[in-house]
Amino acid sequence: MPTFAPLRSGASGQALTKEDLLARILYRDALMLAIDKPAGVAVHPGPRGGPSLEDHFDALRFGLPRPPHLAHRLDRDTSGCLVLGRHKKALAQLGALFAEGAVEKVYWAVVTGAPPTETGTIDLALSKRSTRARGWWMEPDPGGQSAVTDYCVRGSSSGNAQRFTWLELRPRSGRTHQIRVHLQALACPVVGDPVYGASVQGAKLRRLHLHARSVRVPLYPKREPIFLEAPVPPHMRELLEACGLRENADAS
């Protein structure tokens, strides 16, 4: 069995061990496994390689001959619900559900400023751009891939020099960096976003405040969808509480 080399999670550089990974399991059955992904860890190696969560999926075999595989993706600095298929047939089934938009995904974000309305829909197609100096990024493009995100305001801070808003977001599509670009386009970027955000003072606020809060997966036709929630990560709690998060809201 491969050696589990500890990963480094987040700006603090705290090691993520095999025990930590196992403790982060949110759900497991014969087809699907879900974990609470920590912020600051890539889910798979980038073009230049490097450590990733995927390197250590062997610890999640639970008796199967092969490790599970990613059914979708989360950005390196996004935390929360990450769904895996436990074998090829399960992965194909889950992949089809994600591709069809049948999986309901809910994200929480803390943004600087506020959107123009309490609820709304952002319908803004996106394309990938790149330069040698900057690397790659996503940007609005009428000729790009369709991307739609619904949002609602769940709370906001008051009495501070800078306003922060807690948003709940439901992407109808799954484009790369979709939520981050859409919120930048509304002039309320995600706190701590190094690519699409604005500079915010404070070490904690330099970390991305975007969390894959829940998923609802209709995996079994004759059963209720599998509903999973990931707890709020520590680096987001302070601002979420300033925006009105309470323990009962955290459990909702």
C-alpha atoms as a PDB file:
ATOM      1  CA  MET A   1       0.000   0.000   0.000  1.00  0.00           C
ATOM      2  CA  PRO A   2       1.361   3.505  -0.862  1.00  0.00           C
ATOM      3  CA  THR A   3       2.714   5.680   1.905  1.00  0.00           C
ATOM      4  CA  PHE A   4       0.389   8.519   2.905  1.00  0.00           C
ATOM      5  CA  ALA A   5       2.556  11.660   2.747  1.00  0.00           C
ATOM      6  CA  PRO A   6       0.860  14.440   4.737  1.00  0.00           C
ATOM      7  CA  LEU A   7      -0.536  17.302   2.663  1.00  0.00           C
ATOM      8  CA  ARG A   8      -0.448  20.944   3.707  1.00  0.00           C
ATOM      9  CA  SER A   9      -3.820  22.573   4.160  1.00  0.00           C
ATOM     10  CA  GLY A  10      -4.430  26.275   3.808  1.00  0.00           C
ATOM     11  CA  ALA A  11      -2.304  29.292   4.599  1.00  0.00           C
ATOM     12  CA  SER A  12      -1.326  27.891   7.980  1.00  0.00           C
ATOM     13  CA  GLY A  13       0.494  24.957   6.364  1.00  0.00           C
ATOM     14  CA  GLN A  14      -1.090  22.507   8.821  1.00  0.00           C
ATOM     15  CA  ALA A  15      -0.544  18.895   7.762  1.00  0.00           C
ATOM     16  CA  LEU A  16      -3.550  16.878   6.594  1.00  0.00           C
ATOM     17  CA  THR A  17      -3.019  13.264   7.652  1.00  0.00           C
ATOM     18  CA  LYS A  18      -4.709  10.018   6.683  1.00  0.00           C
ATOM     19  CA  GLU A  19      -6.692  10.174   9.941  1.00  0.00           C
ATOM     20  CA  ASP A  20      -7.830  13.720   9.088  1.00  0.00           C
ATOM     21  CA  LEU A  21      -9.028  12.558   5.680  1.00  0.00           C
ATOM     22  CA  LEU A  22     -10.975   9.639   7.135  1.00  0.00           C
ATOM     23  CA  ALA A  23     -12.541  11.960   9.728  1.00  0.00           C
ATOM     24  CA  ARG A  24     -13.758  14.190   6.910  1.00  0.00           C
ATOM     25  CA  ILE A  25     -15.964  11.520   5.322  1.00  0.00           C
ATOM     26  CA  LEU A  26     -19.536  12.802   5.087  1.00  0.00           C
ATOM     27  CA  TYR A  27     -21.119   9.770   3.423  1.00  0.00           C
ATOM     28  CA  ARG A  28     -20.294   6.303   2.096  1.00  0.00           C
ATOM     29  CA  ASP A  29     -22.274   3.559   0.424  1.00  0.00           C
ATOM     30  CA  ALA A  30     -21.564   0.965  -2.274  1.00  0.00           C
ATOM     31  CA  LEU A  31     -21.501   3.543  -5.101  1.00  0.00           C
ATOM     32  CA  MET A  32     -20.622   6.920  -3.685  1.00  0.00           C
ATOM     33  CA  LEU A  33     -18.367   8.518  -1.120  1.00  0.00           C
ATOM     34  CA  ALA A  34     -18.303  12.183  -0.104  1.00  0.00           C
ATOM     35  CA  ILE A  35     -15.777  14.118   1.940  1.00  0.00           C
ATOM     36  CA  ASP A  36     -15.540  17.574   3.464  1.00  0.00           C
ATOM     37  CA  LYS A  37     -12.646  18.953   1.414  1.00  0.00           C
ATOM     38  CA  PRO A  38     -10.363  21.313   3.347  1.00  0.00           C
ATOM     39  CA  ALA A  39      -9.487  24.674   1.844  1.00  0.00           C
ATOM     40  CA  GLY A  40      -5.972  25.043   0.481  1.00  0.00           C
ATOM     41  CA  VAL A  41      -5.590  21.528  -0.968  1.00  0.00           C
ATOM     42  CA  ALA A  42      -5.800  20.786  -4.701  1.00  0.00           C
ATOM     43  CA  VAL A  43      -8.130  17.922  -5.565  1.00  0.00           C
ATOM     44  CA  HIS A  44      -5.852  16.683  -8.376  1.00  0.00           C
ATOM     45  CA  PRO A  45      -2.343  17.500  -9.628  1.00  0.00           C
ATOM     46  CA  GLY A  46      -2.018  20.589 -11.811  1.00  0.00           C
ATOM     47  CA  PRO A  47      -0.164  20.767 -15.160  1.00  0.00           C
ATOM     48  CA  ARG A  48       3.122  20.998 -13.264  1.00  0.00           C
ATOM     49  CA  GLY A  49       2.267  18.174 -10.873  1.00  0.00           C
ATOM     50  CA  GLY A  50       2.494  18.626  -7.130  1.00  0.00           C
ATOM     51  CA  PRO A  51       0.684  17.078  -4.154  1.00  0.00           C
ATOM     52  CA  SER A  52      -3.083  16.709  -4.218  1.00  0.00           C
ATOM     53  CA  LEU A  53      -5.970  15.094  -2.387  1.00  0.00           C
ATOM     54  CA  GLU A  54      -6.346  12.576  -5.217  1.00  0.00           C
ATOM     55  CA  ASP A  55      -2.912  11.139  -4.422  1.00  0.00           C
ATOM     56  CA  HIS A  56      -4.301   9.733  -1.179  1.00  0.00           C
ATOM     57  CA  PHE A  57      -7.631   8.257  -2.269  1.00  0.00           C
ATOM     58  CA  ASP A  58      -6.176   4.788  -1.714  1.00  0.00           C
ATOM     59  CA  ALA A  59      -7.021   5.371   1.957  1.00  0.00           C
ATOM     60  CA  LEU A  60     -10.693   5.530   0.891  1.00  0.00           C
ATOM     61  CA  ARG A  61     -10.930   2.130  -0.847  1.00  0.00           C
ATOM     62  CA  PHE A  62     -12.673   0.393   2.098  1.00  0.00           C
ATOM     63  CA  GLY A  63     -12.116  -3.085   0.667  1.00  0.00           C
ATOM     64  CA  LEU A  64     -12.545  -2.297  -3.027  1.00  0.00           C
ATOM     65  CA  PRO A  65      -9.693  -3.180  -5.399  1.00  0.00           C
ATOM     66  CA  ARG A  66      -9.258   0.397  -6.621  1.00  0.00           C
ATOM     67  CA  PRO A  67      -9.527   3.823  -5.002  1.00  0.00           C
ATOM     68  CA  PRO A  68     -12.486   6.119  -5.721  1.00  0.00           C
ATOM     69  CA  HIS A  69     -12.342   8.883  -8.331  1.00  0.00           C
ATOM     70  CA  LEU A  70     -13.566  12.456  -8.480  1.00  0.00           C
ATOM     71  CA  ALA A  71     -17.128  12.875  -9.758  1.00  0.00           C
ATOM     72  CA  HIS A  72     -16.650  16.669  -9.999  1.00  0.00           C
ATOM     73  CA  ARG A  73     -14.110  19.332  -9.010  1.00  0.00           C
ATOM     74  CA  LEU A  74     -13.620  22.035  -6.407  1.00  0.00           C
ATOM     75  CA  ASP A  75     -11.016  24.783  -6.609  1.00  0.00           C
ATOM     76  CA  ARG A  76      -7.919  24.403  -4.427  1.00  0.00           C
ATOM     77  CA  ASP A  77      -9.058  27.099  -1.990  1.00  0.00           C
ATOM     78  CA  THR A  78     -12.745  26.142  -1.924  1.00  0.00           C
ATOM     79  CA  SER A  79     -13.849  23.958   0.989  1.00  0.00           C
ATOM     80  CA  GLY A  80     -16.811  21.637   1.409  1.00  0.00           C
ATOM     81  CA  CYS A  81     -18.731  18.788  -0.191  1.00  0.00           C
ATOM     82  CA  LEU A  82     -16.698  16.737  -2.663  1.00  0.00           C
ATOM     83  CA  VAL A  83     -18.329  13.675  -4.260  1.00  0.00           C
ATOM     84  CA  LEU A  84     -16.404  10.589  -5.390  1.00  0.00           C
ATOM     85  CA  GLY A  85     -17.452   7.520  -7.348  1.00  0.00           C
ATOM     86  CA  ARG A  86     -16.271   4.285  -5.764  1.00  0.00           C
ATOM     87  CA  HIS A  87     -15.846   2.351  -9.038  1.00  0.00           C
ATOM     88  CA  LYS A  88     -16.156   2.918 -12.804  1.00  0.00           C
ATOM     89  CA  LYS A  89     -19.885   2.189 -13.090  1.00  0.00           C
ATOM     90  CA  ALA A  90     -20.683   4.444 -10.143  1.00  0.00           C
ATOM     91  CA  LEU A  91     -18.417   7.173 -11.497  1.00  0.00           C
ATOM     92  CA  ALA A  92     -20.175   7.078 -14.875  1.00  0.00           C
ATOM     93  CA  GLN A  93     -23.577   7.330 -13.170  1.00  0.00           C
ATOM     94  CA  LEU A  94     -22.501  10.237 -10.984  1.00  0.00           C
ATOM     95  CA  GLY A  95     -20.760  11.957 -13.880  1.00  0.00           C
ATOM     96  CA  ALA A  96     -23.993  11.835 -15.898  1.00  0.00           C
ATOM     97  CA  LEU A  97     -25.974  13.347 -13.009  1.00  0.00           C
ATOM     98  CA  PHE A  98     -23.511  16.230 -12.651  1.00  0.00           C
ATOM     99  CA  ALA A  99     -23.409  16.790 -16.426  1.00  0.00           C
ATOM    100  CA  GLU A 100     -27.211  16.888 -16.607  1.00  0.00           C
ATOM    101  CA  GLY A 101     -27.442  19.387 -13.758  1.00  0.00           C
ATOM    102  CA  ALA A 102     -29.411  16.881 -11.690  1.00  0.00           C
ATOM    103  CA  VAL A 103     -27.151  17.345  -8.645  1.00  0.00           C
ATOM    104  CA  GLU A 104     -28.255  20.343  -6.581  1.00  0.00           C
ATOM    105  CA  LYS A 105     -25.219  22.236  -5.281  1.00  0.00           C
ATOM    106  CA  VAL A 106     -25.392  25.014  -2.682  1.00  0.00           C
ATOM    107  CA  TYR A 107     -22.437  27.266  -1.895  1.00  0.00           C
ATOM    108  CA  TRP A 108     -21.928  29.824   0.840  1.00  0.00           C
ATOM    109  CA  ALA A 109     -19.731  32.838   0.195  1.00  0.00           C
ATOM    110  CA  VAL A 110     -18.769  36.001   2.028  1.00  0.00           C
ATOM    111  CA  VAL A 111     -18.298  38.908  -0.364  1.00  0.00           C
ATOM    112  CA  THR A 112     -17.151  42.486  -0.096  1.00  0.00           C
ATOM    113  CA  GLY A 113     -19.992  44.933  -0.650  1.00  0.00           C
ATOM    114  CA  ALA A 114     -23.383  43.559  -1.680  1.00  0.00           C
ATOM    115  CA  PRO A 115     -25.264  42.538  -4.828  1.00  0.00           C
ATOM    116  CA  PRO A 116     -27.829  44.978  -6.260  1.00  0.00           C
ATOM    117  CA  THR A 117     -30.831  42.907  -5.094  1.00  0.00           C
ATOM    118  CA  GLU A 118     -31.583  40.478  -2.255  1.00  0.00           C
ATOM    119  CA  THR A 119     -32.153  37.641  -4.718  1.00  0.00           C
ATOM    120  CA  GLY A 120     -31.261  37.284  -8.345  1.00  0.00           C
ATOM    121  CA  THR A 121     -29.848  35.257 -11.205  1.00  0.00           C
ATOM    122  CA  ILE A 122     -26.516  35.881 -12.892  1.00  0.00           C
ATOM    123  CA  ASP A 123     -26.620  34.710 -16.517  1.00  0.00           C
ATOM    124  CA  LEU A 124     -23.185  35.398 -17.913  1.00  0.00           C
ATOM    125  CA  ALA A 125     -21.309  33.169 -20.355  1.00  0.00           C
ATOM    126  CA  LEU A 126     -17.632  32.543 -19.618  1.00  0.00           C
ATOM    127  CA  SER A 127     -14.452  31.826 -21.558  1.00  0.00           C
ATOM    128  CA  LYS A 128     -10.915  30.946 -20.577  1.00  0.00           C
ATOM    129  CA  ARG A 129      -8.131  33.420 -21.264  1.00  0.00           C
ATOM    130  CA  SER A 130      -4.386  33.157 -20.734  1.00  0.00           C
ATOM    131  CA  THR A 131      -1.176  35.112 -21.119  1.00  0.00           C
ATOM    132  CA  ARG A 132       2.404  34.129 -20.421  1.00  0.00           C
ATOM    133  CA  ALA A 133       2.719  36.806 -17.752  1.00  0.00           C
ATOM    134  CA  ARG A 134      -0.546  36.182 -15.888  1.00  0.00           C
ATOM    135  CA  GLY A 135      -1.320  32.552 -16.596  1.00  0.00           C
ATOM    136  CA  TRP A 136      -4.969  31.612 -17.154  1.00  0.00           C
ATOM    137  CA  TRP A 137      -8.246  32.985 -15.853  1.00  0.00           C
ATOM    138  CA  MET A 138     -11.949  32.998 -16.715  1.00  0.00           C
ATOM    139  CA  GLU A 139     -13.822  36.053 -17.929  1.00  0.00           C
ATOM    140  CA  PRO A 140     -17.293  37.024 -19.175  1.00  0.00           C
ATOM    141  CA  ASP A 141     -17.700  36.427 -22.904  1.00  0.00           C
ATOM    142  CA  PRO A 142     -21.025  36.510 -24.826  1.00  0.00           C
ATOM    143  CA  GLY A 143     -19.609  33.869 -27.145  1.00  0.00           C
ATOM    144  CA  GLY A 144     -18.408  31.630 -24.318  1.00  0.00           C
ATOM    145  CA  GLN A 145     -19.999  28.721 -22.482  1.00  0.00           C
ATOM    146  CA  SER A 146     -23.350  29.373 -20.842  1.00  0.00           C
ATOM    147  CA  ALA A 147     -23.106  29.886 -17.075  1.00  0.00           C
ATOM    148  CA  VAL A 148     -26.012  30.633 -14.707  1.00  0.00           C
ATOM    149  CA  THR A 149     -25.941  31.185 -10.933  1.00  0.00           C
ATOM    150  CA  ASP A 150     -28.879  31.929  -8.613  1.00  0.00           C
ATOM    151  CA  TYR A 151     -28.108  33.830  -5.420  1.00  0.00           C
ATOM    152  CA  CYS A 152     -29.800  35.128  -2.294  1.00  0.00           C
ATOM    153  CA  VAL A 153     -28.567  37.282   0.583  1.00  0.00           C
ATOM    154  CA  ARG A 154     -28.579  35.477   3.932  1.00  0.00           C
ATOM    155  CA  GLY A 155     -27.072  38.260   6.016  1.00  0.00           C
ATOM    156  CA  SER A 156     -24.653  41.170   6.119  1.00  0.00           C
ATOM    157  CA  SER A 157     -22.297  42.903   8.528  1.00  0.00           C
ATOM    158  CA  SER A 158     -23.067  46.346   9.928  1.00  0.00           C
ATOM    159  CA  GLY A 159     -21.126  49.047  11.702  1.00  0.00           C
ATOM    160  CA  ASN A 160     -17.856  48.225   9.944  1.00  0.00           C
ATOM    161  CA  ALA A 161     -15.788  50.442   7.683  1.00  0.00           C
ATOM    162  CA  GLN A 162     -16.119  47.744   5.030  1.00  0.00           C
ATOM    163  CA  ARG A 163     -19.374  45.926   4.367  1.00  0.00           C
ATOM    164  CA  PHE A 164     -19.471  42.159   4.000  1.00  0.00           C
ATOM    165  CA  THR A 165     -22.401  40.052   2.780  1.00  0.00           C
ATOM    166  CA  TRP A 166     -23.181  36.371   3.274  1.00  0.00           C
ATOM    167  CA  LEU A 167     -24.580  34.847   0.078  1.00  0.00           C
ATOM    168  CA  GLU A 168     -26.134  31.498  -0.706  1.00  0.00           C
ATOM    169  CA  LEU A 169     -25.463  30.476  -4.300  1.00  0.00           C
ATOM    170  CA  ARG A 170     -26.923  27.757  -6.486  1.00  0.00           C
ATOM    171  CA  PRO A 171     -25.004  27.280  -9.733  1.00  0.00           C
ATOM    172  CA  ARG A 172     -27.120  25.768 -12.506  1.00  0.00           C
ATOM    173  CA  SER A 173     -23.987  25.019 -14.534  1.00  0.00           C
ATOM    174  CA  GLY A 174     -20.523  23.908 -13.522  1.00  0.00           C
ATOM    175  CA  ARG A 175     -18.055  26.174 -15.304  1.00  0.00           C
ATOM    176  CA  THR A 176     -14.559  26.674 -13.918  1.00  0.00           C
ATOM    177  CA  HIS A 177     -14.462  29.578 -11.397  1.00  0.00           C
ATOM    178  CA  GLN A 178     -18.112  30.292 -12.257  1.00  0.00           C
ATOM    179  CA  ILE A 179     -19.246  31.677  -8.902  1.00  0.00           C
ATOM    180  CA  ARG A 180     -16.071  33.712  -8.428  1.00  0.00           C
ATOM    181  CA  VAL A 181     -16.311  35.401 -11.844  1.00  0.00           C
ATOM    182  CA  HIS A 182     -20.061  35.968 -11.539  1.00  0.00           C
ATOM    183  CA  LEU A 183     -19.651  37.714  -8.196  1.00  0.00           C
ATOM    184  CA  GLN A 184     -16.813  39.830  -9.515  1.00  0.00           C
ATOM    185  CA  ALA A 185     -19.145  40.885 -12.348  1.00  0.00           C
ATOM    186  CA  LEU A 186     -21.705  42.014  -9.733  1.00  0.00           C
ATOM    187  CA  ALA A 187     -18.983  44.165  -8.110  1.00  0.00           C
ATOM    188  CA  CYS A 188     -19.100  42.070  -4.933  1.00  0.00           C
ATOM    189  CA  PRO A 189     -16.134  39.664  -5.214  1.00  0.00           C
ATOM    190  CA  VAL A 190     -15.523  36.798  -2.826  1.00  0.00           C
ATOM    191  CA  VAL A 191     -13.386  37.748   0.174  1.00  0.00           C
ATOM    192  CA  GLY A 192      -9.839  36.402  -0.182  1.00  0.00           C
ATOM    193  CA  ASP A 193     -10.081  35.674  -3.905  1.00  0.00           C
ATOM    194  CA  PRO A 194      -6.544  36.228  -5.267  1.00  0.00           C
ATOM    195  CA  VAL A 195      -7.666  36.260  -8.910  1.00  0.00           C
ATOM    196  CA  TYR A 196     -11.091  37.910  -9.003  1.00  0.00           C
ATOM    197  CA  GLY A 197     -11.261  39.602  -5.603  1.00  0.00           C
ATOM    198  CA  ALA A 198     -10.213  42.800  -3.913  1.00  0.00           C
ATOM    199  CA  SER A 199      -7.534  43.392  -1.291  1.00  0.00           C
ATOM    200  CA  VAL A 200      -8.835  42.962   2.276  1.00  0.00           C
ATOM    201  CA  GLN A 201      -6.777  43.558   5.404  1.00  0.00           C
ATOM    202  CA  GLY A 202      -6.129  40.697   7.849  1.00  0.00           C
ATOM    203  CA  ALA A 203      -4.502  37.282   7.510  1.00  0.00           C
ATOM    204  CA  LYS A 204      -7.773  35.336   7.808  1.00  0.00           C
ATOM    205  CA  LEU A 205      -9.398  37.524   5.177  1.00  0.00           C
ATOM    206  CA  ARG A 206      -6.716  36.649   2.645  1.00  0.00           C
ATOM    207  CA  ARG A 207      -8.152  33.123   2.428  1.00  0.00           C
ATOM    208  CA  LEU A 208     -10.955  32.376  -0.033  1.00  0.00           C
ATOM    209  CA  HIS A 209     -14.378  32.606   1.648  1.00  0.00           C
ATOM    210  CA  LEU A 210     -16.192  30.155  -0.631  1.00  0.00           C
ATOM    211  CA  HIS A 211     -17.648  26.917   0.731  1.00  0.00           C
ATOM    212  CA  ALA A 212     -19.497  24.068  -0.995  1.00  0.00           C
ATOM    213  CA  ARG A 213     -22.130  23.905   1.729  1.00  0.00           C
ATOM    214  CA  SER A 214     -24.334  21.063   0.491  1.00  0.00           C
ATOM    215  CA  VAL A 215     -25.174  18.662  -2.299  1.00  0.00           C
ATOM    216  CA  ARG A 216     -28.341  16.751  -3.107  1.00  0.00           C
ATOM    217  CA  VAL A 217     -27.616  13.717  -5.277  1.00  0.00           C
ATOM    218  CA  PRO A 218     -30.508  11.725  -6.852  1.00  0.00           C
ATOM    219  CA  LEU A 219     -28.377   8.609  -7.132  1.00  0.00           C
ATOM    220  CA  TYR A 220     -31.075   5.976  -6.609  1.00  0.00           C
ATOM    221  CA  PRO A 221     -34.268   6.336  -8.692  1.00  0.00           C
ATOM    222  CA  LYS A 222     -36.540   4.735  -6.077  1.00  0.00           C
ATOM    223  CA  ARG A 223     -35.091   6.541  -3.048  1.00  0.00           C
ATOM    224  CA  GLU A 224     -34.954  10.081  -1.791  1.00  0.00           C
ATOM    225  CA  PRO A 225     -31.897  12.025  -3.009  1.00  0.00           C
ATOM    226  CA  ILE A 226     -28.817  11.813  -0.812  1.00  0.00           C
ATOM    227  CA  PHE A 227     -28.498  15.149   1.006  1.00  0.00           C
ATOM    228  CA  LEU A 228     -25.163  16.133   2.558  1.00  0.00           C
ATOM    229  CA  GLU A 229     -23.868  19.231   4.338  1.00  0.00           C
ATOM    230  CA  ALA A 230     -20.308  20.226   5.137  1.00  0.00           C
ATOM    231  CA  PRO A 231     -19.651  22.255   8.305  1.00  0.00           C
ATOM    232  CA  VAL A 232     -18.439  25.839   8.037  1.00  0.00           C
ATOM    233  CA  PRO A 233     -14.617  25.943   7.827  1.00  0.00           C
ATOM    234  CA  PRO A 234     -12.867  27.769  10.691  1.00  0.00           C
ATOM    235  CA  HIS A 235     -11.451  30.549   8.516  1.00  0.00           C
ATOM    236  CA  MET A 236     -14.957  31.584   7.369  1.00  0.00           C
ATOM    237  CA  ARG A 237     -16.757  31.472  10.699  1.00  0.00           C
ATOM    238  CA  GLU A 238     -15.741  34.920  11.979  1.00  0.00           C
ATOM    239  CA  LEU A 239     -17.137  36.814   8.999  1.00  0.00           C
ATOM    240  CA  LEU A 240     -20.198  34.576   8.707  1.00  0.00           C
ATOM    241  CA  GLU A 241     -21.036  35.254  12.346  1.00  0.00           C
ATOM    242  CA  ALA A 242     -20.556  38.987  11.730  1.00  0.00           C
ATOM    243  CA  CYS A 243     -23.080  38.593   8.892  1.00  0.00           C
ATOM    244  CA  GLY A 244     -25.626  36.839  11.135  1.00  0.00           C
ATOM    245  CA  LEU A 245     -24.713  33.159  11.204  1.00  0.00           C
ATOM    246  CA  ARG A 246     -25.976  31.431  14.347  1.00  0.00           C
ATOM    247  CA  GLU A 247     -25.703  27.804  15.431  1.00  0.00           C
ATOM    248  CA  ASN A 248     -29.245  27.061  14.280  1.00  0.00           C
ATOM    249  CA  ALA A 249     -28.471  28.621  10.882  1.00  0.00           C
ATOM    250  CA  ASP A 250     -25.313  26.535  10.655  1.00  0.00           C
ATOM    251  CA  ALA A 251     -27.448  23.420  11.069  1.00  0.00           C
ATOM    252  CA  SER A 252     -30.054  24.451   8.520  1.00  0.00           C
END
